[in-house]
Amino acid sequence: MTEAMLLKMLGLITEDEGRRLAELAAWVPEEEAIVEIGSHRGLSSCWLIHGSRLGHGAHVTCIDPWPLYGTEVTDPDEPWAEEGALERWSKNVDAISGWPMVTPLRSTAQAVAATWAKPVGLLFHDADHSYQAVVDDYRAWLPYLAPGAWIAVHDFYGSNWVDGGWVRDGTEQLAVRDVVLTSGQWSDITIVGNLWTGRRS
């Protein structure tokens, strides 16, 4: 039933990307955390919760500043043009009975990382897609990634909304190439749609 509900939710990830996130979440041990950076309306959050339920029950922490998107976006055709994204996130979590498996934190990735302590088994980045933001968020969370942990980067090929359409600029791809892969720590690389994933060796 949960999966059928997920397929009806509005969001900015595809079904295949959602299933991949659920697959990764299912592998995370109970004692490790699943951390999502950038949650918006909660479709990806719900896929992570769903996957964790199918696996070992690892807790999901969702980090997002959650502004009222409708007050900041002037183009009604943009997919995030709505008021109250946090409220929509909460409703989606309610719809799959996701509590208490998830904790929302209205903050930024680096602010949360400054006080974090628990090992992380899956880090999913879908926040600020600028090159430096991806690099800085990755470096902030790298110390907490457990051996064998997974990272996932959405909009790998880049996604900027320009004149009513997506423009692929490759910022995440460059950040992964220049910083993540050069460490030599990542294997089992896969790309599903616009979602890059790798496992810490």
C-alpha atoms as a PDB file:
ATOM      1  CA  MET A   1       0.000   0.000   0.000  1.00  0.00           C
ATOM      2  CA  THR A   2       2.819   2.405   0.856  1.00  0.00           C
ATOM      3  CA  GLU A   3       4.421   2.075  -2.555  1.00  0.00           C
ATOM      4  CA  ALA A   4       1.142   2.765  -4.316  1.00  0.00           C
ATOM      5  CA  MET A   5       0.799   5.949  -2.274  1.00  0.00           C
ATOM      6  CA  LEU A   6       4.353   6.979  -3.131  1.00  0.00           C
ATOM      7  CA  LEU A   7       3.628   6.674  -6.832  1.00  0.00           C
ATOM      8  CA  LYS A   8       0.791   9.193  -6.460  1.00  0.00           C
ATOM      9  CA  MET A   9       2.827  11.814  -4.590  1.00  0.00           C
ATOM     10  CA  LEU A  10       4.080  14.914  -6.364  1.00  0.00           C
ATOM     11  CA  GLY A  11       7.802  15.501  -6.264  1.00  0.00           C
ATOM     12  CA  LEU A  12      10.990  16.052  -8.192  1.00  0.00           C
ATOM     13  CA  ILE A  13      12.356  12.514  -8.349  1.00  0.00           C
ATOM     14  CA  THR A  14      11.288   9.757 -10.701  1.00  0.00           C
ATOM     15  CA  GLU A  15       9.892   6.376  -9.744  1.00  0.00           C
ATOM     16  CA  ASP A  16      13.170   4.658 -10.641  1.00  0.00           C
ATOM     17  CA  GLU A  17      15.159   7.153  -8.572  1.00  0.00           C
ATOM     18  CA  GLY A  18      12.796   6.645  -5.644  1.00  0.00           C
ATOM     19  CA  ARG A  19      13.148   2.891  -5.826  1.00  0.00           C
ATOM     20  CA  ARG A  20      16.935   3.242  -5.855  1.00  0.00           C
ATOM     21  CA  LEU A  21      16.827   5.406  -2.737  1.00  0.00           C
ATOM     22  CA  ALA A  22      14.589   2.857  -1.032  1.00  0.00           C
ATOM     23  CA  GLU A  23      16.996   0.081  -1.986  1.00  0.00           C
ATOM     24  CA  LEU A  24      19.917   1.957  -0.448  1.00  0.00           C
ATOM     25  CA  ALA A  25      17.935   2.829   2.681  1.00  0.00           C
ATOM     26  CA  ALA A  26      17.061  -0.843   3.185  1.00  0.00           C
ATOM     27  CA  TRP A  27      20.762  -1.703   3.444  1.00  0.00           C
ATOM     28  CA  VAL A  28      21.510   0.751   6.257  1.00  0.00           C
ATOM     29  CA  PRO A  29      21.944  -0.944   9.657  1.00  0.00           C
ATOM     30  CA  GLU A  30      19.634   0.111  12.468  1.00  0.00           C
ATOM     31  CA  GLU A  31      22.477   1.696  14.440  1.00  0.00           C
ATOM     32  CA  GLU A  32      23.429   4.009  11.563  1.00  0.00           C
ATOM     33  CA  ALA A  33      21.546   7.045  10.279  1.00  0.00           C
ATOM     34  CA  ILE A  34      20.013   7.940   6.951  1.00  0.00           C
ATOM     35  CA  VAL A  35      20.531  11.665   6.297  1.00  0.00           C
ATOM     36  CA  GLU A  36      18.733  13.585   3.575  1.00  0.00           C
ATOM     37  CA  ILE A  37      20.007  17.045   2.661  1.00  0.00           C
ATOM     38  CA  GLY A  38      17.188  18.829   0.864  1.00  0.00           C
ATOM     39  CA  SER A  39      13.690  17.407   1.358  1.00  0.00           C
ATOM     40  CA  HIS A  40      11.223  19.876  -0.197  1.00  0.00           C
ATOM     41  CA  ARG A  41       7.755  18.260  -0.292  1.00  0.00           C
ATOM     42  CA  GLY A  42       8.962  14.909   1.000  1.00  0.00           C
ATOM     43  CA  LEU A  43       8.657  12.466  -1.884  1.00  0.00           C
ATOM     44  CA  SER A  44      12.277  11.353  -1.563  1.00  0.00           C
ATOM     45  CA  SER A  45      11.957  11.400   2.238  1.00  0.00           C
ATOM     46  CA  CYS A  46       9.049   8.981   1.999  1.00  0.00           C
ATOM     47  CA  TRP A  47      10.963   6.667  -0.332  1.00  0.00           C
ATOM     48  CA  LEU A  48      13.788   6.622   2.235  1.00  0.00           C
ATOM     49  CA  ILE A  49      11.367   5.836   5.058  1.00  0.00           C
ATOM     50  CA  HIS A  50       9.763   3.111   2.956  1.00  0.00           C
ATOM     51  CA  GLY A  51      13.139   1.537   2.202  1.00  0.00           C
ATOM     52  CA  SER A  52      14.226   1.678   5.814  1.00  0.00           C
ATOM     53  CA  ARG A  53      11.042  -0.117   6.822  1.00  0.00           C
ATOM     54  CA  LEU A  54      11.814  -2.871   4.340  1.00  0.00           C
ATOM     55  CA  GLY A  55      15.328  -3.133   5.736  1.00  0.00           C
ATOM     56  CA  HIS A  56      16.682  -2.624   9.244  1.00  0.00           C
ATOM     57  CA  GLY A  57      14.685   0.349  10.457  1.00  0.00           C
ATOM     58  CA  ALA A  58      17.433   2.987  10.369  1.00  0.00           C
ATOM     59  CA  HIS A  59      16.214   6.428  11.409  1.00  0.00           C
ATOM     60  CA  VAL A  60      15.845   9.081   8.705  1.00  0.00           C
ATOM     61  CA  THR A  61      16.874  12.688   9.372  1.00  0.00           C
ATOM     62  CA  CYS A  62      15.669  15.253   6.831  1.00  0.00           C
ATOM     63  CA  ILE A  63      17.459  18.607   6.655  1.00  0.00           C
ATOM     64  CA  ASP A  64      15.932  21.530   4.778  1.00  0.00           C
ATOM     65  CA  PRO A  65      15.548  25.268   5.454  1.00  0.00           C
ATOM     66  CA  TRP A  66      11.941  24.919   4.230  1.00  0.00           C
ATOM     67  CA  PRO A  67      11.073  28.450   3.178  1.00  0.00           C
ATOM     68  CA  LEU A  68       7.563  29.205   2.005  1.00  0.00           C
ATOM     69  CA  TYR A  69       8.343  28.601  -1.633  1.00  0.00           C
ATOM     70  CA  GLY A  70       5.228  30.389  -2.824  1.00  0.00           C
ATOM     71  CA  THR A  71       6.438  33.674  -1.358  1.00  0.00           C
ATOM     72  CA  GLU A  72       9.791  33.449  -3.129  1.00  0.00           C
ATOM     73  CA  VAL A  73       8.943  32.049  -6.560  1.00  0.00           C
ATOM     74  CA  THR A  74       7.174  34.223  -9.113  1.00  0.00           C
ATOM     75  CA  ASP A  75       6.794  31.728 -11.974  1.00  0.00           C
ATOM     76  CA  PRO A  76       3.730  29.545 -11.244  1.00  0.00           C
ATOM     77  CA  ASP A  77       4.955  26.949 -13.733  1.00  0.00           C
ATOM     78  CA  GLU A  78       8.021  26.135 -11.646  1.00  0.00           C
ATOM     79  CA  PRO A  79       7.535  22.720  -9.990  1.00  0.00           C
ATOM     80  CA  TRP A  80       8.278  24.023  -6.481  1.00  0.00           C
ATOM     81  CA  ALA A  81       5.995  27.083  -6.745  1.00  0.00           C
ATOM     82  CA  GLU A  82       3.799  26.530  -3.695  1.00  0.00           C
ATOM     83  CA  GLU A  83       3.345  27.783  -0.190  1.00  0.00           C
ATOM     84  CA  GLY A  84       4.199  25.675   2.811  1.00  0.00           C
ATOM     85  CA  ALA A  85       6.547  22.978   1.544  1.00  0.00           C
ATOM     86  CA  LEU A  86       7.173  21.837   5.140  1.00  0.00           C
ATOM     87  CA  GLU A  87       3.438  21.400   5.669  1.00  0.00           C
ATOM     88  CA  ARG A  88       3.258  19.352   2.460  1.00  0.00           C
ATOM     89  CA  TRP A  89       6.250  17.319   3.646  1.00  0.00           C
ATOM     90  CA  SER A  90       4.459  16.594   6.935  1.00  0.00           C
ATOM     91  CA  LYS A  91       1.276  15.546   5.152  1.00  0.00           C
ATOM     92  CA  ASN A  92       3.198  13.158   2.929  1.00  0.00           C
ATOM     93  CA  VAL A  93       4.942  11.611   5.929  1.00  0.00           C
ATOM     94  CA  ASP A  94       1.558  11.296   7.655  1.00  0.00           C
ATOM     95  CA  ALA A  95       0.129   9.587   4.568  1.00  0.00           C
ATOM     96  CA  ILE A  96       2.605   6.708   4.846  1.00  0.00           C
ATOM     97  CA  SER A  97       2.525   6.648   8.667  1.00  0.00           C
ATOM     98  CA  GLY A  98       6.193   7.618   8.651  1.00  0.00           C
ATOM     99  CA  TRP A  99       6.425   8.785  12.248  1.00  0.00           C
ATOM    100  CA  PRO A 100       8.477   8.176  14.391  1.00  0.00           C
ATOM    101  CA  MET A 101      10.999   6.869  11.833  1.00  0.00           C
ATOM    102  CA  VAL A 102      11.879  10.371  10.655  1.00  0.00           C
ATOM    103  CA  THR A 103      13.039  13.670  12.141  1.00  0.00           C
ATOM    104  CA  PRO A 104      12.770  16.947  10.183  1.00  0.00           C
ATOM    105  CA  LEU A 105      15.369  19.620  10.935  1.00  0.00           C
ATOM    106  CA  ARG A 106      14.692  23.092   9.578  1.00  0.00           C
ATOM    107  CA  SER A 107      18.327  24.032   9.074  1.00  0.00           C
ATOM    108  CA  THR A 108      21.252  23.679   6.696  1.00  0.00           C
ATOM    109  CA  ALA A 109      23.472  20.664   6.137  1.00  0.00           C
ATOM    110  CA  GLN A 110      26.600  22.291   7.490  1.00  0.00           C
ATOM    111  CA  ALA A 111      24.899  23.666  10.602  1.00  0.00           C
ATOM    112  CA  VAL A 112      23.570  20.206  11.497  1.00  0.00           C
ATOM    113  CA  ALA A 113      26.902  18.534  10.713  1.00  0.00           C
ATOM    114  CA  ALA A 114      28.633  20.831  13.228  1.00  0.00           C
ATOM    115  CA  THR A 115      26.824  19.085  16.100  1.00  0.00           C
ATOM    116  CA  TRP A 116      26.244  15.614  14.608  1.00  0.00           C
ATOM    117  CA  ALA A 117      27.564  12.478  16.329  1.00  0.00           C
ATOM    118  CA  LYS A 118      25.937   9.317  14.905  1.00  0.00           C
ATOM    119  CA  PRO A 119      27.525   7.268  12.089  1.00  0.00           C
ATOM    120  CA  VAL A 120      25.744   7.701   8.763  1.00  0.00           C
ATOM    121  CA  GLY A 121      24.998   4.747   6.494  1.00  0.00           C
ATOM    122  CA  LEU A 122      23.347   6.733   3.677  1.00  0.00           C
ATOM    123  CA  LEU A 123      23.804  10.397   2.805  1.00  0.00           C
ATOM    124  CA  PHE A 124      21.445  11.754   0.141  1.00  0.00           C
ATOM    125  CA  HIS A 125      22.171  15.218  -1.270  1.00  0.00           C
ATOM    126  CA  ASP A 126      19.418  17.100  -3.093  1.00  0.00           C
ATOM    127  CA  ALA A 127      19.889  20.647  -1.804  1.00  0.00           C
ATOM    128  CA  ASP A 128      21.782  23.650  -3.171  1.00  0.00           C
ATOM    129  CA  HIS A 129      23.096  22.345  -6.501  1.00  0.00           C
ATOM    130  CA  SER A 130      25.911  24.841  -6.947  1.00  0.00           C
ATOM    131  CA  TYR A 131      29.372  23.337  -7.251  1.00  0.00           C
ATOM    132  CA  GLN A 132      30.707  24.803  -4.000  1.00  0.00           C
ATOM    133  CA  ALA A 133      27.605  23.883  -1.997  1.00  0.00           C
ATOM    134  CA  VAL A 134      27.829  20.245  -3.061  1.00  0.00           C
ATOM    135  CA  VAL A 135      31.535  20.161  -2.189  1.00  0.00           C
ATOM    136  CA  ASP A 136      31.078  21.893   1.177  1.00  0.00           C
ATOM    137  CA  ASP A 137      28.148  19.692   2.207  1.00  0.00           C
ATOM    138  CA  TYR A 138      30.056  16.547   1.230  1.00  0.00           C
ATOM    139  CA  ARG A 139      33.137  17.584   3.200  1.00  0.00           C
ATOM    140  CA  ALA A 140      31.044  18.497   6.238  1.00  0.00           C
ATOM    141  CA  TRP A 141      29.451  15.047   6.371  1.00  0.00           C
ATOM    142  CA  LEU A 142      32.353  12.879   5.243  1.00  0.00           C
ATOM    143  CA  PRO A 143      33.694  12.370   8.803  1.00  0.00           C
ATOM    144  CA  TYR A 144      30.412  10.722   9.812  1.00  0.00           C
ATOM    145  CA  LEU A 145      30.107   8.293   6.899  1.00  0.00           C
ATOM    146  CA  ALA A 146      30.546   4.741   8.162  1.00  0.00           C
ATOM    147  CA  PRO A 147      32.647   2.143   6.342  1.00  0.00           C
ATOM    148  CA  GLY A 148      30.437   0.738   3.610  1.00  0.00           C
ATOM    149  CA  ALA A 149      28.171   3.797   3.687  1.00  0.00           C
ATOM    150  CA  TRP A 150      26.392   4.991   0.567  1.00  0.00           C
ATOM    151  CA  ILE A 151      26.110   8.493  -0.805  1.00  0.00           C
ATOM    152  CA  ALA A 152      23.552   9.582  -3.357  1.00  0.00           C
ATOM    153  CA  VAL A 153      23.583  12.842  -5.306  1.00  0.00           C
ATOM    154  CA  HIS A 154      20.449  13.939  -7.128  1.00  0.00           C
ATOM    155  CA  ASP A 155      20.498  16.209 -10.168  1.00  0.00           C
ATOM    156  CA  PHE A 156      23.869  14.693 -10.998  1.00  0.00           C
ATOM    157  CA  TYR A 157      23.752  16.151 -14.485  1.00  0.00           C
ATOM    158  CA  GLY A 158      22.637  19.496 -13.080  1.00  0.00           C
ATOM    159  CA  SER A 159      19.186  21.013 -12.948  1.00  0.00           C
ATOM    160  CA  ASN A 160      18.522  24.717 -13.118  1.00  0.00           C
ATOM    161  CA  TRP A 161      15.076  26.059 -13.990  1.00  0.00           C
ATOM    162  CA  VAL A 162      15.472  28.645 -16.759  1.00  0.00           C
ATOM    163  CA  ASP A 163      12.653  30.127 -18.854  1.00  0.00           C
ATOM    164  CA  GLY A 164      10.207  27.358 -18.057  1.00  0.00           C
ATOM    165  CA  GLY A 165      12.528  24.384 -18.528  1.00  0.00           C
ATOM    166  CA  TRP A 166      15.363  22.417 -16.956  1.00  0.00           C
ATOM    167  CA  VAL A 167      18.898  23.325 -17.982  1.00  0.00           C
ATOM    168  CA  ARG A 168      21.564  20.708 -17.314  1.00  0.00           C
ATOM    169  CA  ASP A 169      24.754  22.474 -16.281  1.00  0.00           C
ATOM    170  CA  GLY A 170      26.660  19.564 -14.753  1.00  0.00           C
ATOM    171  CA  THR A 171      27.576  21.244 -11.458  1.00  0.00           C
ATOM    172  CA  GLU A 172      26.986  18.150  -9.305  1.00  0.00           C
ATOM    173  CA  GLN A 173      28.781  15.981 -11.852  1.00  0.00           C
ATOM    174  CA  LEU A 174      31.842  18.212 -11.644  1.00  0.00           C
ATOM    175  CA  ALA A 175      31.749  18.247  -7.834  1.00  0.00           C
ATOM    176  CA  VAL A 176      31.569  14.453  -7.690  1.00  0.00           C
ATOM    177  CA  ARG A 177      34.370  14.117 -10.243  1.00  0.00           C
ATOM    178  CA  ASP A 178      36.680  16.683  -8.661  1.00  0.00           C
ATOM    179  CA  VAL A 179      36.200  15.971  -4.963  1.00  0.00           C
ATOM    180  CA  VAL A 180      34.311  12.744  -4.235  1.00  0.00           C
ATOM    181  CA  LEU A 181      35.958  10.405  -6.728  1.00  0.00           C
ATOM    182  CA  THR A 182      39.476  11.779  -6.311  1.00  0.00           C
ATOM    183  CA  SER A 183      39.515  10.436  -2.744  1.00  0.00           C
ATOM    184  CA  GLY A 184      39.539   6.891  -4.118  1.00  0.00           C
ATOM    185  CA  GLN A 185      37.099   5.835  -1.385  1.00  0.00           C
ATOM    186  CA  TRP A 186      34.061   5.150  -3.561  1.00  0.00           C
ATOM    187  CA  SER A 187      33.059   2.065  -5.530  1.00  0.00           C
ATOM    188  CA  ASP A 188      29.914   0.356  -6.843  1.00  0.00           C
ATOM    189  CA  ILE A 189      29.067   3.508  -8.792  1.00  0.00           C
ATOM    190  CA  THR A 190      25.628   3.584 -10.396  1.00  0.00           C
ATOM    191  CA  ILE A 191      23.532   6.247 -12.086  1.00  0.00           C
ATOM    192  CA  VAL A 192      19.759   5.883 -12.179  1.00  0.00           C
ATOM    193  CA  GLY A 193      18.135   8.686 -14.107  1.00  0.00           C
ATOM    194  CA  ASN A 194      19.626  11.819 -12.595  1.00  0.00           C
ATOM    195  CA  LEU A 195      20.721  10.073  -9.377  1.00  0.00           C
ATOM    196  CA  TRP A 196      24.392   9.180  -8.793  1.00  0.00           C
ATOM    197  CA  THR A 197      25.228   6.670  -6.052  1.00  0.00           C
ATOM    198  CA  GLY A 198      28.449   5.254  -4.688  1.00  0.00           C
ATOM    199  CA  ARG A 199      29.549   3.054  -1.796  1.00  0.00           C
ATOM    200  CA  ARG A 200      32.403   3.813   0.575  1.00  0.00           C
ATOM    201  CA  SER A 201      35.113   1.188   0.240  1.00  0.00           C
END
